[in-house]
Amino acid sequence: MDEEYLEAVLDVVAAIPAGRVMTYGTIAEDLRDALGRGGPRQVGTVLSRAGSGVPWWRVVNASGLPPAFKREEALAVLRTEGCPLSPDGARVRLGDALWWPGDD
């Protein structure tokens, strides 16, 4: 795996504030602008292989769902951070929670 891309993904994820999220796709879009490569699957691969030291639970899919294998854990942490969730608590309300690097 490309070390520069791996570090860039981890840096973006580490910067996501508590209670906010990014999608795999928005991270990929941000890095395509900066590095000219990568996509949502590559972001997911980085997080699955090297993401344990960053707030991985703040990265969700385009439907607002955290990774299936750790969904309940991620939703519990997001809930404690005050992240806006759907009424049933099963997904993130992206319209209210999405963050972009440079946002305050």
PDB file of N, CA and C in Angstrom:
ATOM      1  N   MET A   1       0.832  -1.176   0.000  1.00  0.00           N
ATOM      2  CA  MET A   1       0.000   0.000   0.000  1.00  0.00           C
ATOM      3  C   MET A   1       0.879   1.242   0.000  1.00  0.00           C
ATOM      4  N   ASP A   2       0.456   2.255  -0.680  1.00  0.00           N
ATOM      5  CA  ASP A   2       1.154   3.528  -0.800  1.00  0.00           C
ATOM      6  C   ASP A   2       1.207   4.217   0.568  1.00  0.00           C
ATOM      7  N   GLU A   3       2.395   4.352   1.116  1.00  0.00           N
ATOM      8  CA  GLU A   3       2.591   4.934   2.457  1.00  0.00           C
ATOM      9  C   GLU A   3       2.101   6.380   2.530  1.00  0.00           C
ATOM     10  N   GLU A   4       2.317   7.155   1.481  1.00  0.00           N
ATOM     11  CA  GLU A   4       1.866   8.547   1.474  1.00  0.00           C
ATOM     12  C   GLU A   4       0.345   8.613   1.576  1.00  0.00           C
ATOM     13  N   TYR A   5      -0.342   7.767   0.819  1.00  0.00           N
ATOM     14  CA  TYR A   5      -1.805   7.745   0.857  1.00  0.00           C
ATOM     15  C   TYR A   5      -2.299   7.276   2.224  1.00  0.00           C
ATOM     16  N   LEU A   6      -1.687   6.237   2.752  1.00  0.00           N
ATOM     17  CA  LEU A   6      -2.064   5.726   4.061  1.00  0.00           C
ATOM     18  C   LEU A   6      -1.968   6.823   5.114  1.00  0.00           C
ATOM     19  N   GLU A   7      -0.850   7.510   5.162  1.00  0.00           N
ATOM     20  CA  GLU A   7      -0.662   8.587   6.140  1.00  0.00           C
ATOM     21  C   GLU A   7      -1.656   9.717   5.925  1.00  0.00           C
ATOM     22  N   ALA A   8      -1.959  10.035   4.674  1.00  0.00           N
ATOM     23  CA  ALA A   8      -2.918  11.105   4.386  1.00  0.00           C
ATOM     24  C   ALA A   8      -4.312  10.742   4.890  1.00  0.00           C
ATOM     25  N   VAL A   9      -4.741   9.502   4.667  1.00  0.00           N
ATOM     26  CA  VAL A   9      -6.046   9.051   5.163  1.00  0.00           C
ATOM     27  C   VAL A   9      -6.078   9.152   6.680  1.00  0.00           C
ATOM     28  N   LEU A  10      -5.067   8.640   7.334  1.00  0.00           N
ATOM     29  CA  LEU A  10      -5.040   8.661   8.797  1.00  0.00           C
ATOM     30  C   LEU A  10      -5.028  10.087   9.331  1.00  0.00           C
ATOM     31  N   ASP A  11      -4.338  10.996   8.658  1.00  0.00           N
ATOM     32  CA  ASP A  11      -4.319  12.399   9.083  1.00  0.00           C
ATOM     33  C   ASP A  11      -5.703  13.034   8.978  1.00  0.00           C
ATOM     34  N   VAL A  12      -6.398  12.763   7.882  1.00  0.00           N
ATOM     35  CA  VAL A  12      -7.752  13.323   7.715  1.00  0.00           C
ATOM     36  C   VAL A  12      -8.678  12.773   8.790  1.00  0.00           C
ATOM     37  N   VAL A  13      -8.657  11.473   8.999  1.00  0.00           N
ATOM     38  CA  VAL A  13      -9.545  10.859   9.994  1.00  0.00           C
ATOM     39  C   VAL A  13      -9.227  11.389  11.390  1.00  0.00           C
ATOM     40  N   ALA A  14      -7.960  11.558  11.704  1.00  0.00           N
ATOM     41  CA  ALA A  14      -7.564  12.076  13.021  1.00  0.00           C
ATOM     42  C   ALA A  14      -8.083  13.494  13.244  1.00  0.00           C
ATOM     43  N   ALA A  15      -8.309  14.237  12.179  1.00  0.00           N
ATOM     44  CA  ALA A  15      -8.757  15.628  12.287  1.00  0.00           C
ATOM     45  C   ALA A  15     -10.271  15.779  12.428  1.00  0.00           C
ATOM     46  N   ILE A  16     -11.042  14.720  12.203  1.00  0.00           N
ATOM     47  CA  ILE A  16     -12.500  14.820  12.284  1.00  0.00           C
ATOM     48  C   ILE A  16     -12.886  15.096  13.737  1.00  0.00           C
ATOM     49  N   PRO A  17     -13.596  16.195  13.984  1.00  0.00           N
ATOM     50  CA  PRO A  17     -13.954  16.527  15.370  1.00  0.00           C
ATOM     51  C   PRO A  17     -14.980  15.559  15.955  1.00  0.00           C
ATOM     52  N   ALA A  18     -14.973  15.456  17.271  1.00  0.00           N
ATOM     53  CA  ALA A  18     -15.967  14.649  17.971  1.00  0.00           C
ATOM     54  C   ALA A  18     -17.367  15.124  17.604  1.00  0.00           C
ATOM     55  N   GLY A  19     -18.265  14.170  17.388  1.00  0.00           N
ATOM     56  CA  GLY A  19     -19.644  14.492  17.049  1.00  0.00           C
ATOM     57  C   GLY A  19     -19.886  14.764  15.583  1.00  0.00           C
ATOM     58  N   ARG A  20     -18.849  14.689  14.773  1.00  0.00           N
ATOM     59  CA  ARG A  20     -18.952  14.910  13.331  1.00  0.00           C
ATOM     60  C   ARG A  20     -18.434  13.666  12.616  1.00  0.00           C
ATOM     61  N   VAL A  21     -18.727  13.537  11.326  1.00  0.00           N
ATOM     62  CA  VAL A  21     -18.279  12.390  10.542  1.00  0.00           C
ATOM     63  C   VAL A  21     -17.861  12.829   9.146  1.00  0.00           C
ATOM     64  N   MET A  22     -17.155  11.943   8.486  1.00  0.00           N
ATOM     65  CA  MET A  22     -16.915  12.028   7.050  1.00  0.00           C
ATOM     66  C   MET A  22     -17.292  10.671   6.478  1.00  0.00           C
ATOM     67  N   THR A  23     -17.599  10.641   5.202  1.00  0.00           N
ATOM     68  CA  THR A  23     -17.842   9.371   4.531  1.00  0.00           C
ATOM     69  C   THR A  23     -16.539   8.920   3.874  1.00  0.00           C
ATOM     70  N   TYR A  24     -16.496   7.643   3.541  1.00  0.00           N
ATOM     71  CA  TYR A  24     -15.341   7.134   2.809  1.00  0.00           C
ATOM     72  C   TYR A  24     -15.154   7.939   1.531  1.00  0.00           C
ATOM     73  N   GLY A  25     -16.260   8.275   0.894  1.00  0.00           N
ATOM     74  CA  GLY A  25     -16.212   9.020  -0.359  1.00  0.00           C
ATOM     75  C   GLY A  25     -15.730  10.447  -0.204  1.00  0.00           C
ATOM     76  N   THR A  26     -16.138  11.126   0.880  1.00  0.00           N
ATOM     77  CA  THR A  26     -15.682  12.510   1.051  1.00  0.00           C
ATOM     78  C   THR A  26     -14.203  12.555   1.404  1.00  0.00           C
ATOM     79  N   ILE A  27     -13.732  11.564   2.145  1.00  0.00           N
ATOM     80  CA  ILE A  27     -12.289  11.491   2.420  1.00  0.00           C
ATOM     81  C   ILE A  27     -11.537  11.254   1.113  1.00  0.00           C
ATOM     82  N   ALA A  28     -12.030  10.323   0.307  1.00  0.00           N
ATOM     83  CA  ALA A  28     -11.386  10.031  -0.978  1.00  0.00           C
ATOM     84  C   ALA A  28     -11.377  11.268  -1.876  1.00  0.00           C
ATOM     85  N   GLU A  29     -12.488  11.998  -1.891  1.00  0.00           N
ATOM     86  CA  GLU A  29     -12.561  13.211  -2.712  1.00  0.00           C
ATOM     87  C   GLU A  29     -11.543  14.240  -2.249  1.00  0.00           C
ATOM     88  N   ASP A  30     -11.438  14.442  -0.951  1.00  0.00           N
ATOM     89  CA  ASP A  30     -10.476  15.383  -0.402  1.00  0.00           C
ATOM     90  C   ASP A  30      -9.048  14.982  -0.796  1.00  0.00           C
ATOM     91  N   LEU A  31      -8.751  13.697  -0.703  1.00  0.00           N
ATOM     92  CA  LEU A  31      -7.399  13.242  -1.024  1.00  0.00           C
ATOM     93  C   LEU A  31      -7.131  13.226  -2.524  1.00  0.00           C
ATOM     94  N   ARG A  32      -8.161  13.018  -3.327  1.00  0.00           N
ATOM     95  CA  ARG A  32      -7.967  13.113  -4.793  1.00  0.00           C
ATOM     96  C   ARG A  32      -7.564  14.524  -5.157  1.00  0.00           C
ATOM     97  N   ASP A  33      -8.172  15.512  -4.499  1.00  0.00           N
ATOM     98  CA  ASP A  33      -7.793  16.904  -4.748  1.00  0.00           C
ATOM     99  C   ASP A  33      -6.332  17.144  -4.362  1.00  0.00           C
ATOM    100  N   ALA A  34      -5.905  16.558  -3.249  1.00  0.00           N
ATOM    101  CA  ALA A  34      -4.551  16.791  -2.743  1.00  0.00           C
ATOM    102  C   ALA A  34      -3.502  15.899  -3.397  1.00  0.00           C
ATOM    103  N   LEU A  35      -3.840  14.614  -3.615  1.00  0.00           N
ATOM    104  CA  LEU A  35      -2.839  13.654  -4.082  1.00  0.00           C
ATOM    105  C   LEU A  35      -3.082  13.127  -5.490  1.00  0.00           C
ATOM    106  N   GLY A  36      -4.290  13.343  -5.997  1.00  0.00           N
ATOM    107  CA  GLY A  36      -4.598  12.894  -7.345  1.00  0.00           C
ATOM    108  C   GLY A  36      -4.863  11.413  -7.487  1.00  0.00           C
ATOM    109  N   ARG A  37      -5.180  10.736  -6.386  1.00  0.00           N
ATOM    110  CA  ARG A  37      -5.441   9.299  -6.484  1.00  0.00           C
ATOM    111  C   ARG A  37      -6.286   8.834  -5.306  1.00  0.00           C
ATOM    112  N   GLY A  38      -6.768   7.602  -5.435  1.00  0.00           N
ATOM    113  CA  GLY A  38      -7.511   6.957  -4.366  1.00  0.00           C
ATOM    114  C   GLY A  38      -9.014   7.077  -4.526  1.00  0.00           C
ATOM    115  N   GLY A  39      -9.720   6.204  -3.831  1.00  0.00           N
ATOM    116  CA  GLY A  39     -11.168   6.188  -3.849  1.00  0.00           C
ATOM    117  C   GLY A  39     -11.691   5.680  -2.528  1.00  0.00           C
ATOM    118  N   PRO A  40     -13.015   5.586  -2.385  1.00  0.00           N
ATOM    119  CA  PRO A  40     -13.605   5.141  -1.119  1.00  0.00           C
ATOM    120  C   PRO A  40     -13.115   3.767  -0.659  1.00  0.00           C
ATOM    121  N   ARG A  41     -12.933   2.850  -1.584  1.00  0.00           N
ATOM    122  CA  ARG A  41     -12.461   1.516  -1.183  1.00  0.00           C
ATOM    123  C   ARG A  41     -11.051   1.557  -0.622  1.00  0.00           C
ATOM    124  N   GLN A  42     -10.214   2.407  -1.187  1.00  0.00           N
ATOM    125  CA  GLN A  42      -8.856   2.544  -0.678  1.00  0.00           C
ATOM    126  C   GLN A  42      -8.873   3.134   0.736  1.00  0.00           C
ATOM    127  N   VAL A  43      -9.772   4.093   0.963  1.00  0.00           N
ATOM    128  CA  VAL A  43      -9.919   4.661   2.308  1.00  0.00           C
ATOM    129  C   VAL A  43     -10.320   3.553   3.288  1.00  0.00           C
ATOM    130  N   GLY A  44     -11.286   2.742   2.912  1.00  0.00           N
ATOM    131  CA  GLY A  44     -11.710   1.632   3.754  1.00  0.00           C
ATOM    132  C   GLY A  44     -10.594   0.647   4.024  1.00  0.00           C
ATOM    133  N   THR A  45      -9.796   0.366   3.016  1.00  0.00           N
ATOM    134  CA  THR A  45      -8.666  -0.547   3.183  1.00  0.00           C
ATOM    135  C   THR A  45      -7.667   0.007   4.184  1.00  0.00           C
ATOM    136  N   VAL A  46      -7.348   1.280   4.064  1.00  0.00           N
ATOM    137  CA  VAL A  46      -6.421   1.901   5.016  1.00  0.00           C
ATOM    138  C   VAL A  46      -6.972   1.775   6.433  1.00  0.00           C
ATOM    139  N   LEU A  47      -8.237   2.112   6.628  1.00  0.00           N
ATOM    140  CA  LEU A  47      -8.806   2.063   7.974  1.00  0.00           C
ATOM    141  C   LEU A  47      -8.858   0.643   8.527  1.00  0.00           C
ATOM    142  N   SER A  48      -9.137  -0.330   7.661  1.00  0.00           N
ATOM    143  CA  SER A  48      -9.201  -1.710   8.152  1.00  0.00           C
ATOM    144  C   SER A  48      -7.823  -2.253   8.517  1.00  0.00           C
ATOM    145  N   ARG A  49      -6.791  -1.752   7.873  1.00  0.00           N
ATOM    146  CA  ARG A  49      -5.445  -2.267   8.117  1.00  0.00           C
ATOM    147  C   ARG A  49      -4.657  -1.450   9.131  1.00  0.00           C
ATOM    148  N   ALA A  50      -4.918  -0.138   9.190  1.00  0.00           N
ATOM    149  CA  ALA A  50      -4.056   0.718  10.011  1.00  0.00           C
ATOM    150  C   ALA A  50      -4.822   1.782  10.786  1.00  0.00           C
ATOM    151  N   GLY A  51      -6.120   1.669  10.882  1.00  0.00           N
ATOM    152  CA  GLY A  51      -6.918   2.740  11.464  1.00  0.00           C
ATOM    153  C   GLY A  51      -7.225   2.646  12.938  1.00  0.00           C
ATOM    154  N   SER A  52      -6.634   1.705  13.644  1.00  0.00           N
ATOM    155  CA  SER A  52      -6.999   1.544  15.051  1.00  0.00           C
ATOM    156  C   SER A  52      -6.568   2.711  15.931  1.00  0.00           C
ATOM    157  N   GLY A  53      -5.606   3.506  15.491  1.00  0.00           N
ATOM    158  CA  GLY A  53      -5.120   4.626  16.293  1.00  0.00           C
ATOM    159  C   GLY A  53      -5.803   5.947  16.019  1.00  0.00           C
ATOM    160  N   VAL A  54      -6.785   5.947  15.150  1.00  0.00           N
ATOM    161  CA  VAL A  54      -7.530   7.168  14.818  1.00  0.00           C
ATOM    162  C   VAL A  54      -9.011   6.919  15.110  1.00  0.00           C
ATOM    163  N   PRO A  55      -9.829   7.967  15.163  1.00  0.00           N
ATOM    164  CA  PRO A  55     -11.259   7.781  15.460  1.00  0.00           C
ATOM    165  C   PRO A  55     -12.024   7.208  14.267  1.00  0.00           C
ATOM    166  N   TRP A  56     -11.795   5.947  13.976  1.00  0.00           N
ATOM    167  CA  TRP A  56     -12.370   5.250  12.825  1.00  0.00           C
ATOM    168  C   TRP A  56     -13.899   5.284  12.838  1.00  0.00           C
ATOM    169  N   TRP A  57     -14.501   5.373  14.031  1.00  0.00           N
ATOM    170  CA  TRP A  57     -15.959   5.382  14.149  1.00  0.00           C
ATOM    171  C   TRP A  57     -16.572   6.638  13.551  1.00  0.00           C
ATOM    172  N   ARG A  58     -15.764   7.639  13.269  1.00  0.00           N
ATOM    173  CA  ARG A  58     -16.255   8.876  12.654  1.00  0.00           C
ATOM    174  C   ARG A  58     -16.269   8.805  11.131  1.00  0.00           C
ATOM    175  N   VAL A  59     -16.004   7.641  10.576  1.00  0.00           N
ATOM    176  CA  VAL A  59     -16.065   7.430   9.125  1.00  0.00           C
ATOM    177  C   VAL A  59     -17.211   6.462   8.848  1.00  0.00           C
ATOM    178  N   VAL A  60     -18.146   6.909   8.013  1.00  0.00           N
ATOM    179  CA  VAL A  60     -19.343   6.121   7.719  1.00  0.00           C
ATOM    180  C   VAL A  60     -19.517   6.020   6.210  1.00  0.00           C
ATOM    181  N   ASN A  61     -20.417   5.136   5.793  1.00  0.00           N
ATOM    182  CA  ASN A  61     -20.681   5.036   4.359  1.00  0.00           C
ATOM    183  C   ASN A  61     -21.660   6.131   3.922  1.00  0.00           C
ATOM    184  N   ALA A  62     -21.978   6.155   2.660  1.00  0.00           N
ATOM    185  CA  ALA A  62     -22.820   7.217   2.094  1.00  0.00           C
ATOM    186  C   ALA A  62     -24.242   7.193   2.632  1.00  0.00           C
ATOM    187  N   SER A  63     -24.636   6.116   3.303  1.00  0.00           N
ATOM    188  CA  SER A  63     -25.956   6.023   3.932  1.00  0.00           C
ATOM    189  C   SER A  63     -25.912   6.401   5.404  1.00  0.00           C
ATOM    190  N   GLY A  64     -24.741   6.758   5.903  1.00  0.00           N
ATOM    191  CA  GLY A  64     -24.607   7.126   7.303  1.00  0.00           C
ATOM    192  C   GLY A  64     -24.382   5.953   8.238  1.00  0.00           C
ATOM    193  N   LEU A  65     -24.029   4.798   7.679  1.00  0.00           N
ATOM    194  CA  LEU A  65     -23.812   3.604   8.498  1.00  0.00           C
ATOM    195  C   LEU A  65     -22.322   3.386   8.775  1.00  0.00           C
ATOM    196  N   PRO A  66     -21.965   3.139  10.030  1.00  0.00           N
ATOM    197  CA  PRO A  66     -20.588   2.746  10.346  1.00  0.00           C
ATOM    198  C   PRO A  66     -20.309   1.339   9.820  1.00  0.00           C
ATOM    199  N   PRO A  67     -19.050   0.900   9.881  1.00  0.00           N
ATOM    200  CA  PRO A  67     -18.711  -0.444   9.398  1.00  0.00           C
ATOM    201  C   PRO A  67     -19.561  -1.511  10.089  1.00  0.00           C
ATOM    202  N   ALA A  68     -20.061  -2.451   9.322  1.00  0.00           N
ATOM    203  CA  ALA A  68     -20.989  -3.464   9.834  1.00  0.00           C
ATOM    204  C   ALA A  68     -20.409  -4.275  10.987  1.00  0.00           C
ATOM    205  N   PHE A  69     -19.132  -4.626  10.913  1.00  0.00           N
ATOM    206  CA  PHE A  69     -18.556  -5.510  11.929  1.00  0.00           C
ATOM    207  C   PHE A  69     -18.341  -4.823  13.272  1.00  0.00           C
ATOM    208  N   LYS A  70     -18.426  -3.494  13.311  1.00  0.00           N
ATOM    209  CA  LYS A  70     -18.287  -2.745  14.564  1.00  0.00           C
ATOM    210  C   LYS A  70     -19.372  -1.684  14.687  1.00  0.00           C
ATOM    211  N   ARG A  71     -20.500  -1.919  14.045  1.00  0.00           N
ATOM    212  CA  ARG A  71     -21.559  -0.908  13.979  1.00  0.00           C
ATOM    213  C   ARG A  71     -22.055  -0.479  15.361  1.00  0.00           C
ATOM    214  N   GLU A  72     -22.380  -1.419  16.223  1.00  0.00           N
ATOM    215  CA  GLU A  72     -22.933  -1.063  17.536  1.00  0.00           C
ATOM    216  C   GLU A  72     -21.923  -0.287  18.373  1.00  0.00           C
ATOM    217  N   GLU A  73     -20.666  -0.700  18.321  1.00  0.00           N
ATOM    218  CA  GLU A  73     -19.611   0.011  19.046  1.00  0.00           C
ATOM    219  C   GLU A  73     -19.474   1.444  18.522  1.00  0.00           C
ATOM    220  N   ALA A  74     -19.439   1.593  17.215  1.00  0.00           N
ATOM    221  CA  ALA A  74     -19.299   2.922  16.612  1.00  0.00           C
ATOM    222  C   ALA A  74     -20.489   3.809  16.949  1.00  0.00           C
ATOM    223  N   LEU A  75     -21.698   3.286  16.837  1.00  0.00           N
ATOM    224  CA  LEU A  75     -22.885   4.085  17.141  1.00  0.00           C
ATOM    225  C   LEU A  75     -22.913   4.498  18.608  1.00  0.00           C
ATOM    226  N   ALA A  76     -22.475   3.629  19.484  1.00  0.00           N
ATOM    227  CA  ALA A  76     -22.431   3.977  20.908  1.00  0.00           C
ATOM    228  C   ALA A  76     -21.474   5.141  21.155  1.00  0.00           C
ATOM    229  N   VAL A  77     -20.300   5.093  20.535  1.00  0.00           N
ATOM    230  CA  VAL A  77     -19.328   6.177  20.711  1.00  0.00           C
ATOM    231  C   VAL A  77     -19.865   7.460  20.078  1.00  0.00           C
ATOM    232  N   LEU A  78     -20.409   7.367  18.877  1.00  0.00           N
ATOM    233  CA  LEU A  78     -20.969   8.550  18.224  1.00  0.00           C
ATOM    234  C   LEU A  78     -22.080   9.168  19.076  1.00  0.00           C
ATOM    235  N   ARG A  79     -22.898   8.332  19.668  1.00  0.00           N
ATOM    236  CA  ARG A  79     -23.981   8.814  20.540  1.00  0.00           C
ATOM    237  C   ARG A  79     -23.399   9.599  21.719  1.00  0.00           C
ATOM    238  N   THR A  80     -22.358   9.067  22.348  1.00  0.00           N
ATOM    239  CA  THR A  80     -21.753   9.758  23.496  1.00  0.00           C
ATOM    240  C   THR A  80     -21.073  11.056  23.081  1.00  0.00           C
ATOM    241  N   GLU A  81     -20.622  11.131  21.826  1.00  0.00           N
ATOM    242  CA  GLU A  81     -19.999  12.363  21.320  1.00  0.00           C
ATOM    243  C   GLU A  81     -21.033  13.416  20.919  1.00  0.00           C
ATOM    244  N   GLY A  82     -22.313  13.042  20.919  1.00  0.00           N
ATOM    245  CA  GLY A  82     -23.360  13.975  20.533  1.00  0.00           C
ATOM    246  C   GLY A  82     -23.584  14.077  19.039  1.00  0.00           C
ATOM    247  N   CYS A  83     -23.146  13.073  18.312  1.00  0.00           N
ATOM    248  CA  CYS A  83     -23.336  13.065  16.861  1.00  0.00           C
ATOM    249  C   CYS A  83     -24.823  12.905  16.540  1.00  0.00           C
ATOM    250  N   PRO A  84     -25.362  13.695  15.610  1.00  0.00           N
ATOM    251  CA  PRO A  84     -26.772  13.549  15.239  1.00  0.00           C
ATOM    252  C   PRO A  84     -27.048  12.197  14.580  1.00  0.00           C
ATOM    253  N   LEU A  85     -27.945  11.440  15.177  1.00  0.00           N
ATOM    254  CA  LEU A  85     -28.310  10.129  14.653  1.00  0.00           C
ATOM    255  C   LEU A  85     -29.773  10.142  14.229  1.00  0.00           C
ATOM    256  N   SER A  86     -30.142   9.173  13.424  1.00  0.00           N
ATOM    257  CA  SER A  86     -31.536   9.001  13.003  1.00  0.00           C
ATOM    258  C   SER A  86     -32.396   8.724  14.242  1.00  0.00           C
ATOM    259  N   PRO A  87     -33.709   8.933  14.141  1.00  0.00           N
ATOM    260  CA  PRO A  87     -34.582   8.694  15.301  1.00  0.00           C
ATOM    261  C   PRO A  87     -34.434   7.301  15.915  1.00  0.00           C
ATOM    262  N   ASP A  88     -34.159   6.299  15.094  1.00  0.00           N
ATOM    263  CA  ASP A  88     -33.987   4.950  15.638  1.00  0.00           C
ATOM    264  C   ASP A  88     -32.554   4.682  16.111  1.00  0.00           C
ATOM    265  N   GLY A  89     -31.663   5.665  15.941  1.00  0.00           N
ATOM    266  CA  GLY A  89     -30.278   5.536  16.395  1.00  0.00           C
ATOM    267  C   GLY A  89     -29.415   4.604  15.586  1.00  0.00           C
ATOM    268  N   ALA A  90     -29.886   4.211  14.404  1.00  0.00           N
ATOM    269  CA  ALA A  90     -29.189   3.205  13.607  1.00  0.00           C
ATOM    270  C   ALA A  90     -28.197   3.777  12.604  1.00  0.00           C
ATOM    271  N   ARG A  91     -28.274   5.080  12.346  1.00  0.00           N
ATOM    272  CA  ARG A  91     -27.378   5.682  11.359  1.00  0.00           C
ATOM    273  C   ARG A  91     -27.158   7.153  11.694  1.00  0.00           C
ATOM    274  N   VAL A  92     -26.124   7.709  11.098  1.00  0.00           N
ATOM    275  CA  VAL A  92     -25.796   9.120  11.279  1.00  0.00           C
ATOM    276  C   VAL A  92     -26.660   9.958  10.340  1.00  0.00           C
ATOM    277  N   ARG A  93     -27.138  11.080  10.832  1.00  0.00           N
ATOM    278  CA  ARG A  93     -27.845  12.051   9.978  1.00  0.00           C
ATOM    279  C   ARG A  93     -26.774  12.900   9.286  1.00  0.00           C
ATOM    280  N   LEU A  94     -26.410  12.490   8.088  1.00  0.00           N
ATOM    281  CA  LEU A  94     -25.293  13.127   7.378  1.00  0.00           C
ATOM    282  C   LEU A  94     -25.513  14.614   7.145  1.00  0.00           C
ATOM    283  N   GLY A  95     -26.742  15.014   6.882  1.00  0.00           N
ATOM    284  CA  GLY A  95     -27.009  16.430   6.637  1.00  0.00           C
ATOM    285  C   GLY A  95     -26.615  17.316   7.805  1.00  0.00           C
ATOM    286  N   ASP A  96     -26.618  16.764   9.003  1.00  0.00           N
ATOM    287  CA  ASP A  96     -26.277  17.522  10.205  1.00  0.00           C
ATOM    288  C   ASP A  96     -24.875  17.226  10.722  1.00  0.00           C
ATOM    289  N   ALA A  97     -24.312  16.094  10.367  1.00  0.00           N
ATOM    290  CA  ALA A  97     -23.053  15.659  10.986  1.00  0.00           C
ATOM    291  C   ALA A  97     -21.848  15.706  10.074  1.00  0.00           C
ATOM    292  N   LEU A  98     -22.060  15.835   8.764  1.00  0.00           N
ATOM    293  CA  LEU A  98     -20.932  15.759   7.831  1.00  0.00           C
ATOM    294  C   LEU A  98     -19.953  16.913   8.056  1.00  0.00           C
ATOM    295  N   TRP A  99     -18.684  16.582   8.092  1.00  0.00           N
ATOM    296  CA  TRP A  99     -17.612  17.550   8.286  1.00  0.00           C
ATOM    297  C   TRP A  99     -16.678  17.498   7.096  1.00  0.00           C
ATOM    298  N   TRP A 100     -16.084  18.627   6.789  1.00  0.00           N
ATOM    299  CA  TRP A 100     -15.124  18.721   5.698  1.00  0.00           C
ATOM    300  C   TRP A 100     -13.882  19.422   6.232  1.00  0.00           C
ATOM    301  N   PRO A 101     -12.679  18.955   5.910  1.00  0.00           N
ATOM    302  CA  PRO A 101     -11.479  19.637   6.375  1.00  0.00           C
ATOM    303  C   PRO A 101     -11.529  21.119   6.035  1.00  0.00           C
ATOM    304  N   GLY A 102     -11.229  21.931   7.044  1.00  0.00           N
ATOM    305  CA  GLY A 102     -11.308  23.380   6.888  1.00  0.00           C
ATOM    306  C   GLY A 102     -12.563  23.971   7.485  1.00  0.00           C
ATOM    307  N   ASP A 103     -13.583  23.121   7.734  1.00  0.00           N
ATOM    308  CA  ASP A 103     -14.780  23.585   8.443  1.00  0.00           C
ATOM    309  C   ASP A 103     -14.409  23.886   9.875  1.00  0.00           C
ATOM    310  N   ASP A 104     -15.089  24.803  10.457  1.00  0.00           N
ATOM    311  CA  ASP A 104     -14.853  25.110  11.891  1.00  0.00           C
ATOM    312  C   ASP A 104     -15.917  24.529  12.740  1.00  0.00           C
TER     313      ASP A 104
END
